[in-house]
Protein backbone atom coordinates (compact mmCIF):
# COMPACT_ATOMS: atom_id res chain seq x y z
CA MET A 1 115.10 75.57 92.55
CA GLY A 2 117.49 77.17 94.97
CA VAL A 3 120.26 75.78 97.13
CA ASP A 4 118.02 74.34 99.70
CA ASP A 5 116.07 72.56 97.16
CA ALA A 6 119.18 71.05 95.79
CA LEU A 7 120.07 69.70 99.16
CA PRO A 8 119.98 65.64 99.04
CA LYS A 9 117.71 65.20 101.78
CA PRO A 10 118.03 61.43 101.91
CA LEU A 11 121.66 61.95 102.58
CA ILE A 12 121.29 64.59 105.22
CA SER A 13 117.90 64.18 107.14
CA ALA A 14 115.04 62.53 105.64
CA GLY A 15 111.81 64.23 106.07
CA ALA A 16 113.39 67.19 107.81
CA ASP A 17 111.81 69.95 105.68
CA GLU A 18 108.35 68.57 106.42
CA ALA A 19 109.03 68.78 110.14
CA VAL A 20 110.35 72.14 109.95
CA ALA A 21 107.26 73.37 107.97
CA ALA A 22 104.67 71.63 109.81
CA GLU A 23 105.74 72.94 113.31
CA PRO A 24 106.54 76.49 114.65
CA VAL A 25 109.86 77.26 115.50
CA HIS A 26 109.45 76.97 119.46
CA THR A 27 107.94 73.42 119.06
CA ALA A 28 110.32 72.17 116.36
CA SER A 29 111.38 68.56 116.69
CA PRO A 30 114.89 67.70 117.62
CA LEU A 31 115.31 66.17 114.10
CA ALA A 32 114.36 69.61 112.48
CA ARG A 33 116.53 71.59 114.86
CA GLU A 34 119.45 69.10 114.02
CA TYR A 35 118.77 69.76 110.39
CA ARG A 36 118.62 73.60 110.72
CA ILE A 37 122.08 73.62 112.67
CA LEU A 38 123.71 71.39 110.12
CA HIS A 39 122.30 73.46 107.23
CA GLN A 40 123.76 76.53 108.62
CA ILE A 41 127.08 74.96 109.11
CA VAL A 42 127.12 73.62 105.50
CA ALA A 43 125.71 76.61 104.11
CA GLY A 44 127.88 79.28 105.99
CA THR A 45 131.24 77.73 105.72
CA ASN A 46 134.11 79.28 103.74
CA ALA A 47 134.82 75.73 102.20
CA GLY A 48 133.30 74.59 99.30
CA ILE A 49 131.28 71.40 99.81
CA SER A 50 129.80 69.28 97.01
CA VAL A 51 128.01 65.81 96.97
CA MET A 52 128.13 63.44 94.04
CA ASP A 53 126.45 60.15 93.64
CA THR A 54 128.34 57.12 92.61
CA ASP A 55 128.29 58.14 88.91
CA LEU A 56 130.00 61.29 89.99
CA ARG A 57 126.97 63.60 89.17
CA TYR A 58 126.36 66.60 91.55
CA LEU A 59 123.68 66.00 94.32
CA TYR A 60 124.48 69.13 96.30
CA ILE A 61 126.75 72.20 96.49
CA ASN A 62 126.99 74.79 99.11
CA PRO A 63 126.71 78.46 98.35
CA ARG A 64 130.62 78.75 98.62
CA MET A 65 131.17 76.09 96.10
CA ALA A 66 128.60 77.94 93.49
CA ARG A 67 130.46 81.00 94.08
CA MET A 68 133.72 79.47 93.29
CA ASN A 69 132.55 77.94 90.04
CA GLY A 70 130.31 80.70 88.90
CA LEU A 71 127.31 78.79 88.44
CA PRO A 72 123.97 78.70 90.41
CA ALA A 73 123.47 75.45 92.55
CA GLU A 74 120.76 74.16 90.21
CA ALA A 75 123.12 74.28 87.25
CA HIS A 76 125.22 71.75 88.97
CA LEU A 77 122.60 69.12 89.71
CA GLY A 78 122.68 65.96 87.73
CA ARG A 79 125.66 67.04 85.80
CA THR A 80 129.34 65.88 86.06
CA LEU A 81 132.22 68.05 87.26
CA SER A 82 133.63 67.89 83.59
CA ALA A 83 130.13 68.97 82.24
CA VAL A 84 129.89 71.77 84.62
CA LEU A 85 133.49 72.99 84.37
CA PRO A 86 135.15 71.85 81.12
CA GLY A 87 138.29 73.78 81.71
CA VAL A 88 139.18 72.02 85.14
CA HIS A 89 141.44 69.12 85.37
CA ARG A 90 139.10 65.78 85.80
CA PRO A 91 139.80 63.72 88.92
CA ASP A 92 137.55 61.00 87.93
CA ALA A 93 140.04 58.23 88.22
CA VAL A 94 140.99 59.20 91.84
CA LEU A 95 137.20 59.52 92.88
CA HIS A 96 136.64 56.05 91.55
CA LYS A 97 139.34 54.99 93.86
CA VAL A 98 137.71 56.64 96.77
CA LEU A 99 134.34 54.89 95.73
CA ALA A 100 136.29 51.55 95.73
CA ASP A 101 138.39 51.35 98.85
CA GLY A 102 136.90 54.23 100.99
CA LYS A 103 140.12 55.85 101.63
CA PRO A 104 139.89 59.79 101.76
CA ARG A 105 142.16 61.55 99.14
CA GLU A 106 143.28 65.03 98.96
CA LEU A 107 143.67 66.48 95.30
CA VAL A 108 145.10 69.68 94.03
CA GLY A 109 142.86 70.75 90.91
CA THR A 110 144.11 73.47 88.60
CA GLY A 111 142.13 75.32 85.67
CA HIS A 112 139.39 77.91 84.79
CA THR A 113 135.75 78.17 86.08
CA ARG A 114 133.10 80.64 85.05
CA VAL A 115 134.20 83.14 87.50
CA ASP A 116 136.06 86.29 86.16
CA SER A 117 139.53 85.90 87.68
CA PRO A 118 142.75 88.09 87.18
CA TYR A 119 144.67 84.91 87.75
CA GLU A 120 145.99 83.12 84.87
CA ARG A 121 145.43 79.63 86.45
CA ARG A 122 143.39 78.98 89.62
CA GLU A 123 144.02 76.14 92.13
CA TRP A 124 141.94 74.27 94.80
CA ARG A 125 142.74 71.89 97.34
CA VAL A 126 139.81 69.17 97.86
CA THR A 127 139.60 66.22 100.01
CA TYR A 128 136.97 63.51 99.02
CA HIS A 129 135.30 61.14 101.33
CA ARG A 130 133.08 58.34 100.65
CA LEU A 131 129.57 58.28 101.79
CA GLU A 132 127.45 55.30 103.01
CA ASP A 133 124.00 54.96 104.43
CA GLU A 134 123.00 53.26 107.59
CA ARG A 135 123.11 49.92 105.96
CA GLY A 136 126.51 50.55 104.72
CA ARG A 137 125.65 50.93 101.08
CA ILE A 138 127.89 53.34 99.13
CA ILE A 139 125.74 56.29 97.95
CA GLY A 140 128.18 58.95 96.66
CA ILE A 141 131.14 60.96 97.35
CA ALA A 142 131.48 64.25 99.53
CA GLY A 143 134.20 66.76 98.50
CA ILE A 144 135.48 69.61 101.01
CA GLY A 145 137.75 72.09 99.32
CA LEU A 146 139.42 75.49 99.59
CA GLU A 147 140.72 77.70 96.69
CA ILE A 148 144.38 78.30 97.15
CA THR A 149 145.03 80.41 94.11
CA GLU A 150 147.16 83.49 94.82
CA PRO A 151 148.99 86.06 92.71
CA ARG A 152 152.79 85.18 91.94
CA GLN A 153 153.74 88.16 94.09
CA TYR A 154 151.67 87.21 97.19
CA LEU A 155 153.21 83.44 96.71
CA HIS A 156 156.76 84.88 96.79
CA GLY A 157 155.78 86.89 99.79
CA LEU A 158 154.39 83.91 101.54
CA GLU A 159 157.52 82.01 100.44
CA ARG A 160 159.68 84.76 102.01
CA ALA A 161 157.47 84.59 105.25
CA HIS A 162 158.12 80.70 105.46
CA GLU A 163 161.84 81.42 105.23
CA ARG A 164 161.86 84.20 107.93
CA MET A 165 159.95 81.84 110.19
CA ALA A 166 162.24 79.17 109.48
CA LEU A 167 165.07 81.36 110.11
CA LEU A 168 163.63 82.25 113.60
CA ASP A 169 163.08 78.82 114.32
CA THR A 170 166.62 77.79 113.66
CA ALA A 171 168.03 80.96 115.79
CA ALA A 172 166.77 78.94 118.92
CA THR A 173 169.36 76.28 118.45
CA SER A 174 172.05 78.14 116.69
CA ILE A 175 172.51 81.13 119.16
CA GLY A 176 173.61 80.75 122.63
CA THR A 177 175.01 77.27 122.48
CA THR A 178 177.70 78.25 125.10
CA LEU A 179 178.04 80.37 127.81
CA ASP A 180 180.91 82.25 126.24
CA VAL A 181 180.37 85.71 125.52
CA GLU A 182 182.48 86.09 122.71
CA SER A 183 181.22 82.67 121.25
CA THR A 184 177.69 83.94 121.39
CA CYS A 185 178.40 87.10 119.64
CA LYS A 186 179.96 85.19 116.94
CA GLU A 187 177.20 82.89 116.56
CA VAL A 188 174.98 85.92 116.04
CA ALA A 189 176.94 87.45 113.44
CA ASP A 190 177.51 84.30 111.83
CA PHE A 191 173.66 83.37 111.82
CA VAL A 192 172.50 86.54 109.75
CA VAL A 193 175.17 86.14 107.06
CA PRO A 194 173.98 85.31 104.47
CA GLY A 195 170.38 84.60 105.69
CA LEU A 196 169.55 88.01 106.43
CA ALA A 197 172.60 90.44 105.44
CA ASP A 198 175.83 90.40 103.53
CA ALA A 199 177.91 91.55 106.47
CA ALA A 200 177.16 91.82 110.21
CA SER A 201 178.81 93.05 113.49
CA VAL A 202 177.96 92.79 117.01
CA ASP A 203 179.00 95.57 119.52
CA LEU A 204 178.61 95.40 123.08
CA PHE A 205 178.95 98.00 125.79
CA ASP A 206 182.40 97.57 127.22
CA GLU A 207 181.34 97.96 130.85
CA ASP A 208 179.73 94.57 130.52
CA ARG A 209 182.78 92.62 129.97
CA PRO A 210 184.63 91.87 133.38
CA GLY A 211 188.15 92.85 133.37
CA HIS A 212 187.96 94.49 129.82
CA ARG A 213 186.86 97.97 130.55
CA LEU A 214 188.25 100.73 128.19
CA HIS A 215 188.41 104.43 129.34
CA SER A 216 186.66 106.75 126.68
CA GLU A 217 186.40 110.52 126.55
CA PRO A 218 183.49 112.06 128.64
CA GLY A 219 180.23 112.04 126.83
CA VAL A 220 181.46 109.39 124.31
CA MET A 221 179.71 106.07 124.26
CA ARG A 222 182.03 103.20 123.65
CA LEU A 223 181.29 99.64 122.58
CA ARG A 224 183.80 96.82 121.80
CA ARG A 225 183.29 95.00 118.43
CA MET A 226 182.85 91.45 119.62
CA ALA A 227 182.23 89.70 116.35
CA PHE A 228 182.09 90.54 112.44
CA THR A 229 181.19 88.38 109.59
CA ALA A 230 181.29 88.93 105.91
CA PRO A 231 182.56 87.37 102.71
CA PRO A 232 186.30 87.97 102.22
CA ASN A 233 186.09 90.49 99.29
CA LEU A 234 183.64 92.53 101.52
CA VAL A 235 185.97 92.14 104.54
CA LYS A 236 188.56 93.80 102.58
CA SER A 237 186.34 96.68 101.55
CA LEU A 238 185.01 97.35 104.84
CA ALA A 239 188.28 97.05 106.69
CA ARG A 240 189.25 100.32 105.17
CA LEU A 241 186.21 102.12 106.66
CA THR A 242 185.83 100.66 110.13
CA ASP A 243 187.61 98.83 112.89
CA LEU A 244 186.65 95.06 112.48
CA GLU A 245 188.17 93.94 115.69
CA GLY A 246 188.67 96.93 118.19
CA PHE A 247 185.90 99.21 119.30
CA VAL A 248 183.51 101.71 118.10
CA GLU A 249 182.57 105.11 119.71
CA TYR A 250 179.66 107.60 119.29
CA ASP A 251 179.44 111.27 120.68
CA ALA A 252 176.19 112.86 121.45
CA SER A 253 175.67 114.05 118.04
CA SER A 254 175.59 110.58 116.49
CA PRO A 255 172.20 109.76 115.00
CA LEU A 256 173.07 106.25 115.38
CA ARG A 257 173.61 106.79 119.29
CA THR A 258 170.31 108.37 119.46
CA ARG A 259 168.55 105.60 118.02
CA LEU A 260 170.44 103.07 120.05
CA GLU A 261 169.64 104.78 123.43
CA SER A 262 165.95 104.85 122.28
CA GLY A 263 165.92 101.17 121.80
CA ARG A 264 164.62 101.61 118.21
CA PRO A 265 166.09 99.98 115.10
CA TRP A 266 167.49 102.11 112.34
CA VAL A 267 167.11 101.11 108.62
CA HIS A 268 168.57 103.23 105.64
CA ASN A 269 168.68 102.76 102.02
CA LEU A 270 171.66 104.57 100.61
CA ARG A 271 170.47 104.13 96.92
CA THR A 272 167.54 106.78 97.58
CA ASP A 273 169.26 108.70 100.21
CA PRO A 274 173.23 108.77 100.28
CA THR A 275 173.37 111.04 103.27
CA LEU A 276 172.89 109.97 107.08
CA PRO A 277 169.47 110.99 108.54
CA GLY A 278 170.04 113.47 111.26
CA ASP A 279 173.49 114.52 110.07
CA ASP A 280 172.43 118.24 109.24
CA SER A 281 176.25 119.20 109.47
CA GLY A 282 177.29 116.82 106.85
CA ARG A 283 179.92 115.37 109.19
CA TYR A 284 179.35 111.81 108.08
CA ALA A 285 178.75 112.55 104.35
CA GLN A 286 182.08 111.33 103.36
CA ARG A 287 181.83 108.07 105.33
CA MET A 288 178.30 107.40 103.65
CA ALA A 289 180.11 107.75 100.41
CA GLN A 290 182.80 105.39 101.16
CA TYR A 291 180.23 102.85 101.93
CA VAL A 292 178.41 103.29 98.68
CA ALA A 293 181.63 102.85 96.97
CA ALA A 294 182.36 99.68 98.66
CA GLY A 295 179.06 98.35 97.32
CA VAL A 296 176.89 98.96 100.36
CA HIS A 297 173.54 100.10 99.66
CA SER A 298 171.40 99.31 102.64
CA ALA A 299 171.92 99.28 106.44
CA LEU A 300 170.05 98.01 109.26
CA VAL A 301 171.02 98.48 113.04
CA VAL A 302 169.00 96.98 115.80
CA PRO A 303 169.77 97.35 119.52
CA LEU A 304 170.52 94.27 121.60
CA ALA A 305 168.39 94.89 124.69
CA THR A 306 166.58 92.84 127.50
CA GLU A 307 163.72 94.06 129.57
CA SER A 308 166.29 95.60 131.99
CA ARG A 309 169.07 97.08 130.04
CA GLN A 310 170.71 97.81 126.80
CA LEU A 311 173.74 95.55 126.02
CA GLY A 312 174.82 96.77 122.57
CA MET A 313 173.85 96.49 118.90
CA LEU A 314 173.62 94.34 115.94
CA SER A 315 174.50 96.00 112.70
CA MET A 316 173.90 94.44 109.19
CA VAL A 317 174.52 95.74 105.71
CA ARG A 318 173.54 94.53 102.09
CA CYS A 319 175.32 95.00 98.83
CA SER A 320 174.17 94.55 95.27
CA PRO A 321 172.54 92.48 93.84
CA ALA A 322 170.63 91.95 97.27
CA PRO A 323 167.58 94.07 97.75
CA ALA A 324 167.35 96.72 100.27
CA PHE A 325 166.28 96.01 103.81
CA THR A 326 162.31 96.02 104.19
CA ARG A 327 160.02 96.53 107.14
CA GLU A 328 159.68 92.75 107.24
CA ASP A 329 163.40 92.19 107.41
CA THR A 330 163.42 95.00 110.22
CA ALA A 331 160.64 92.75 112.03
CA VAL A 332 162.80 89.66 111.84
CA ALA A 333 166.00 91.48 112.80
CA GLN A 334 164.24 92.74 115.92
CA GLU A 335 163.18 89.25 117.04
CA LEU A 336 166.56 87.90 116.23
CA ALA A 337 168.00 90.79 118.27
CA ALA A 338 165.71 90.06 121.21
CA ARG A 339 166.55 86.33 121.16
CA ALA A 340 170.33 87.00 120.85
CA ALA A 341 170.00 89.58 123.76
CA ARG A 342 168.56 87.08 126.08
CA ALA A 343 171.52 84.63 125.10
CA LEU A 344 173.90 87.30 125.67
CA GLU A 345 172.24 88.21 129.03
CA ARG A 346 172.89 84.73 130.13
CA SER A 347 176.43 84.56 128.82
CA LEU A 348 177.38 88.03 130.52
CA GLN A 349 175.74 87.04 133.80
CA PHE A 350 177.97 83.62 133.69
CA ALA A 351 181.02 85.80 132.92
CA ARG A 352 180.43 87.77 136.11
CA GLU A 353 179.61 84.96 138.25
CA HIS A 354 182.60 82.94 136.82
CA THR A 355 184.97 85.82 137.45
CA MET A 356 183.70 86.32 141.00
CA ALA A 357 183.91 82.78 141.93
CA LEU A 358 187.32 82.29 140.24
CA GLU A 359 188.63 85.20 142.32
CA LEU A 360 187.02 84.11 145.49
CA GLN A 361 188.44 80.80 145.02
CA ARG A 362 191.76 81.78 144.08
CA ALA A 363 192.01 84.33 147.00
CA LEU A 364 190.99 81.53 149.41
CA LEU A 365 193.46 78.99 147.92
CA SER A 366 196.31 81.38 147.31
CA GLU A 367 197.69 81.19 151.03
CA PRO A 368 196.98 77.91 152.75
CA HIS A 369 198.63 77.87 156.14
CA LEU A 370 202.19 76.87 156.32
CA PRO A 371 203.13 73.31 157.42
CA ASN A 372 205.83 72.69 160.22
CA PRO A 373 209.26 72.84 158.48
CA ASN A 374 209.68 69.19 158.66
CA VAL A 375 207.50 68.69 155.52
CA GLU A 376 207.59 70.22 152.05
CA THR A 377 204.28 70.64 149.89
CA ALA A 378 203.24 72.03 146.61
CA THR A 379 199.80 72.73 145.40
CA ARG A 380 197.87 73.11 142.04
CA TYR A 381 194.48 74.48 141.32
CA LEU A 382 193.08 74.44 137.86
CA PRO A 383 189.59 75.96 137.11
CA ALA A 384 187.52 73.99 134.47
CA THR A 385 187.81 75.50 131.05
CA ASP A 386 185.02 74.08 128.92
CA GLY A 387 182.34 76.77 129.89
CA THR A 388 181.48 75.29 133.30
CA LEU A 389 181.29 77.35 136.28
CA VAL A 390 184.12 77.42 138.87
CA GLY A 391 183.55 74.68 141.36
CA GLY A 392 184.21 74.19 145.19
CA ASP A 393 187.55 72.48 145.19
CA TRP A 394 189.61 73.31 148.00
CA PHE A 395 192.79 72.25 150.04
CA ASP A 396 194.40 73.26 153.06
CA ILE A 397 197.81 72.68 154.84
CA LEU A 398 197.91 72.95 158.77
CA ALA A 399 200.70 72.96 161.20
CA LEU A 400 199.53 71.32 164.47
CA PRO A 401 201.60 71.00 167.60
CA GLY A 402 204.07 68.13 168.02
CA ASN A 403 205.38 69.04 164.52
CA ARG A 404 202.42 67.26 163.02
CA ASN A 405 200.89 68.50 159.83
CA LEU A 406 197.39 68.01 158.60
CA LEU A 407 196.53 67.98 155.00
CA VAL A 408 193.11 68.73 153.86
CA ILE A 409 191.52 68.37 150.47
CA GLY A 410 187.87 68.36 149.58
CA ASP A 411 185.36 69.14 146.74
CA VAL A 412 182.00 70.71 147.18
CA MET A 413 179.06 69.65 145.06
CA GLY A 414 177.90 72.03 142.34
CA HIS A 415 179.50 75.01 140.72
CA GLY A 416 179.40 78.86 140.88
CA VAL A 417 179.55 81.52 143.63
CA GLU A 418 177.69 79.55 146.05
CA ALA A 419 179.84 76.60 145.77
CA ALA A 420 182.99 78.74 146.35
CA VAL A 421 181.23 80.31 149.41
CA ALA A 422 180.28 76.78 150.70
CA MET A 423 183.97 75.81 150.19
CA SER A 424 185.20 78.58 152.33
CA ASN A 425 182.63 77.55 155.20
CA TYR A 426 183.85 73.92 155.02
CA ARG A 427 187.41 74.99 155.16
CA SER A 428 186.78 77.29 158.06
CA MET A 429 184.94 74.55 160.11
CA VAL A 430 187.69 72.11 159.33
CA ARG A 431 190.44 74.55 160.42
CA ALA A 432 188.68 75.29 163.81
CA MET A 433 188.13 71.81 164.76
CA ALA A 434 191.52 70.68 163.82
CA ALA A 435 192.94 73.54 165.89
CA ALA A 436 190.92 72.05 168.83
CA GLU A 437 193.11 68.94 168.13
CA LEU A 438 189.94 66.54 167.94
CA PRO A 439 190.68 63.05 166.49
CA LEU A 440 190.16 63.06 162.54
CA ASP A 441 187.03 61.00 162.57
CA GLU A 442 185.35 63.48 165.06
CA VAL A 443 186.53 66.48 162.88
CA LEU A 444 184.46 64.99 160.16
CA PHE A 445 181.54 63.89 162.21
CA HIS A 446 180.98 67.45 163.83
CA ALA A 447 181.41 69.18 160.39
CA ASP A 448 178.80 66.58 158.85
CA ARG A 449 176.40 67.39 161.84
CA MET A 450 176.82 71.05 161.82
CA VAL A 451 176.36 71.31 158.10
CA ALA A 452 173.25 68.94 158.07
CA GLU A 453 171.47 70.69 161.13
CA SER A 454 172.12 74.06 159.37
CA GLY A 455 170.01 73.19 156.32
CA PHE A 456 172.97 73.88 154.10
CA GLU A 457 172.29 72.14 150.83
CA ARG A 458 175.88 71.98 149.43
CA VAL A 459 177.43 68.51 150.52
CA ALA A 460 181.11 68.01 150.07
CA THR A 461 183.80 65.30 150.08
CA CYS A 462 186.74 65.77 152.24
CA LEU A 463 189.79 63.68 152.84
CA LEU A 464 192.21 64.40 155.94
CA ALA A 465 195.54 63.11 156.52
CA LEU A 466 197.82 63.71 159.64
CA GLY A 467 201.41 63.35 159.38
CA ASP A 468 203.28 62.53 162.77
CA PRO A 469 207.00 62.48 162.37
CA GLY A 470 207.45 61.53 166.03
CA THR A 471 205.66 58.04 165.07
CA ASP A 472 206.51 58.06 161.38
CA THR A 473 202.89 57.40 160.46
CA VAL A 474 200.02 59.00 158.46
CA THR A 475 196.47 59.00 159.82
CA TYR A 476 193.57 59.29 157.54
CA ALA A 477 189.81 59.91 157.74
CA ASN A 478 187.81 60.21 154.61
CA ALA A 479 184.37 61.63 153.83
CA GLY A 480 183.46 60.25 150.31
CA HIS A 481 186.60 61.57 148.79
CA LEU A 482 188.87 59.53 146.28
CA PRO A 483 192.00 57.73 147.89
CA PRO A 484 195.49 59.47 147.90
CA LEU A 485 198.32 58.23 145.75
CA ARG A 486 201.55 57.15 147.15
CA LEU A 487 204.94 57.59 145.10
CA SER A 488 207.47 55.23 146.33
CA PRO A 489 211.39 56.11 146.29
CA ASP A 490 211.64 53.55 143.61
CA GLY A 491 209.17 55.29 141.41
CA ASP A 492 206.27 52.79 141.92
CA THR A 493 202.73 54.19 142.46
CA GLU A 494 199.92 52.72 144.38
CA LEU A 495 196.51 53.97 145.89
CA VAL A 496 196.36 54.21 149.82
CA PRO A 497 193.40 52.13 150.96
CA VAL A 498 191.37 54.49 153.03
CA PRO A 499 187.94 53.53 154.08
CA ALA A 500 185.28 56.18 152.85
CA GLY A 501 182.39 57.40 154.91
CA PRO A 502 179.40 59.48 153.64
CA PRO A 503 180.16 63.08 152.08
CA LEU A 504 179.88 65.90 154.75
CA GLY A 505 176.35 67.49 155.10
CA THR A 506 174.23 64.27 154.72
CA GLY A 507 173.95 63.96 158.44
CA LEU A 508 174.63 60.15 158.27
CA GLY A 509 178.07 60.10 160.30
CA GLY A 510 180.07 56.66 160.50
CA TYR A 511 183.59 58.07 159.93
CA THR A 512 186.60 56.12 160.99
CA THR A 513 190.27 56.74 161.01
CA VAL A 514 193.02 54.48 159.66
CA THR A 515 196.78 54.86 160.39
CA ARG A 516 199.37 53.87 157.79
CA PRO A 517 203.16 53.86 158.14
CA GLY A 518 205.07 56.65 156.88
CA LEU A 519 207.10 56.22 153.64
CA PRO A 520 210.77 57.63 153.97
CA GLY A 521 211.73 59.21 150.67
CA GLY A 522 208.15 58.89 149.37
CA THR A 523 205.57 61.19 148.49
CA LEU A 524 201.62 61.62 149.00
CA ILE A 525 199.57 62.97 146.35
CA PHE A 526 195.89 64.16 147.12
CA TYR A 527 193.58 65.13 144.18
CA THR A 528 190.11 65.99 143.35
CA ASP A 529 187.75 64.03 140.85
CA GLY A 530 188.38 66.39 138.04
CA LEU A 531 191.76 64.97 137.65
CA VAL A 532 190.76 61.27 136.95
CA GLU A 533 187.12 61.20 136.17
CA ARG A 534 186.08 60.62 132.65
CA ARG A 535 182.31 60.50 131.09
CA ASP A 536 181.01 57.03 130.34
CA GLU A 537 184.00 55.36 132.19
CA ASP A 538 184.01 53.44 135.54
CA ILE A 539 185.59 55.01 138.48
CA ASP A 540 187.90 51.92 139.04
CA THR A 541 189.17 52.44 135.55
CA SER A 542 189.82 56.06 136.19
CA LEU A 543 191.71 55.41 139.20
CA ASP A 544 193.83 52.63 137.83
CA ARG A 545 195.29 55.17 135.32
CA LEU A 546 196.66 56.85 138.48
CA THR A 547 198.60 53.64 139.26
CA ARG A 548 200.30 53.70 135.65
CA LEU A 549 201.71 57.14 136.08
CA HIS A 550 205.44 57.37 135.01
CA LEU A 551 206.93 59.73 137.91
CA ARG A 552 210.55 60.55 139.02
CA PRO A 553 210.64 60.50 142.80
CA GLN A 554 213.85 62.62 142.68
CA ASP A 555 212.03 65.49 141.09
CA THR A 556 210.69 68.43 142.95
CA LEU A 557 207.21 68.30 144.20
CA ASP A 558 206.32 70.89 141.42
CA GLN A 559 207.69 68.80 138.76
CA ILE A 560 206.00 65.83 139.87
CA LEU A 561 202.57 67.61 139.90
CA ASP A 562 203.30 69.07 136.39
CA ALA A 563 204.05 65.39 135.21
CA VAL A 564 200.66 64.18 136.72
CA LEU A 565 198.84 66.85 134.92
CA ALA A 566 200.53 66.36 131.73
CA GLN A 567 199.92 62.64 131.72
CA LEU A 568 196.24 62.75 132.75
CA THR A 569 194.93 65.87 131.44
CA ASP A 570 194.86 65.95 127.52
CA GLY A 571 192.93 69.13 126.72
CA PRO A 572 190.74 71.84 128.59
CA ALA A 573 189.65 70.67 131.96
CA ARG A 574 185.96 69.68 132.14
CA ASP A 575 185.83 69.86 135.81
CA ASP A 576 187.96 71.62 138.62
CA ILE A 577 191.31 70.07 139.59
CA ALA A 578 193.09 70.52 142.90
CA LEU A 579 196.21 68.86 143.81
CA ILE A 580 198.55 68.69 146.86
CA ALA A 581 201.80 66.88 147.03
CA ALA A 582 203.71 66.28 150.38
CA ARG A 583 206.96 64.46 151.47
CA PRO A 584 209.23 64.78 154.30
CA CYS A 585 211.84 67.39 153.95
CA ARG A 586 214.97 65.93 152.38
CA SER A 587 217.25 67.44 154.96
CA ARG A 588 215.19 65.42 157.48
CA GLN A 589 215.48 62.37 155.28
CA GLY A 590 219.22 62.43 155.14
């Protein structure tokens, strides 16, 4: 009796064989075709399939199960697992539970079969399911299993493969957590030690660091060492061999330079070859001997490159008792380097944009128009230092006819070069319309309309304050900006109530002017939201903090602004801060 004869027909398809035998293939009944397809699936799968009755005696096994057990199908039928394979752990208790409650269970079985095997012990993973007929009667159990026996060496390799995959998965959340170049390089070096190497360094081409270019000799490739990570004992040894914090240079004869320029990794085992491949002149022989003396026996250098350019390289070494770098290690290092290069590309791009935006903004804010001599002013601009791109904060001071002075402060939505350029456009528009001596509400109205109609998507807040010494008044117009702060001659501080219209660029209009009396001996302070806003804090609470400042009205304006910053900033600025302080000249007051 073969495997087909052992198939439990009542469990699969009653009468199917008779239908197949009675009819030719082209006229076979749907039931017969269903049986044939099902039989092909069961017989051809790589999984071992068995069916047992309620007494746990074999009713059917597929060819794969027969090969796994080393017995023909007919040798199983009517016999229990323990009778067929006495050397295999018996799962009878678990199988009875499957029969009792119908819940599938997965078991790992161990032992021996009648198949010759080089393995000391074999393992199977089998899932058992209860079988019921169309009336719901329990008729047996079906088991579906795979052999998971592997040689110990392969299991170790499999474990290492899982470790490498876990390492790569972790890299996604550990490298590139900031947009700072040096921080990203440090993250890369720290990540590979000790998971992949005993020591590691990250070197970048110096021209990629704005403002940090070093000049090297013609034909020499220079990289700056951005990060180095190693345990203290190895740091001491390697510090005598290489500059851990400065820069490294490679001339045209350097074997490492050839590999770096080609974009290929370089791996070398100093135990089997203490020389440097490609060093035909022996120029680097002494250096290699020094590395060996320091305990280094294996090195791996991987280029840091994106699709468009080379950024630098990641260098790693291993010391005893760690094994030498393998091809698998090289593959993992290349994947890590690719991910690190993408993170570094973002950081370098940010650094360039940040520098450009900062230089543009500082250039635009460095020389505001001078006021008339009857007013003194002081200004401050502090860019964000938490990794955020430079924003669009701006201020201006304009002298108008009649000894009047217009103070302007604004904040463009967003950050980066685009925000800085937008800030320049807003400032120019306000200057042009103020020079035409339009009322302040019309200045804001026309600026709002011009930006909205141009399709420019950078809205901005803006506060205008026009001081008129002839009437001793200050006239305000506000486009969504925070109210100014007034410091009295007695040292009291209060917010000046100024109605706020929509930000510029919305096209909504609706701006008004309000005129307040001047304050002889007093000081007006204008600011952007970076000074007061805090995350998860209501803006009214933030503004209330201004009214509790302790300022000395007799101080110079620079001293007053320094005091404001000292009392309201307790660390690196999370957003740009712009400030203006203004008051009538003391000579005029006296």
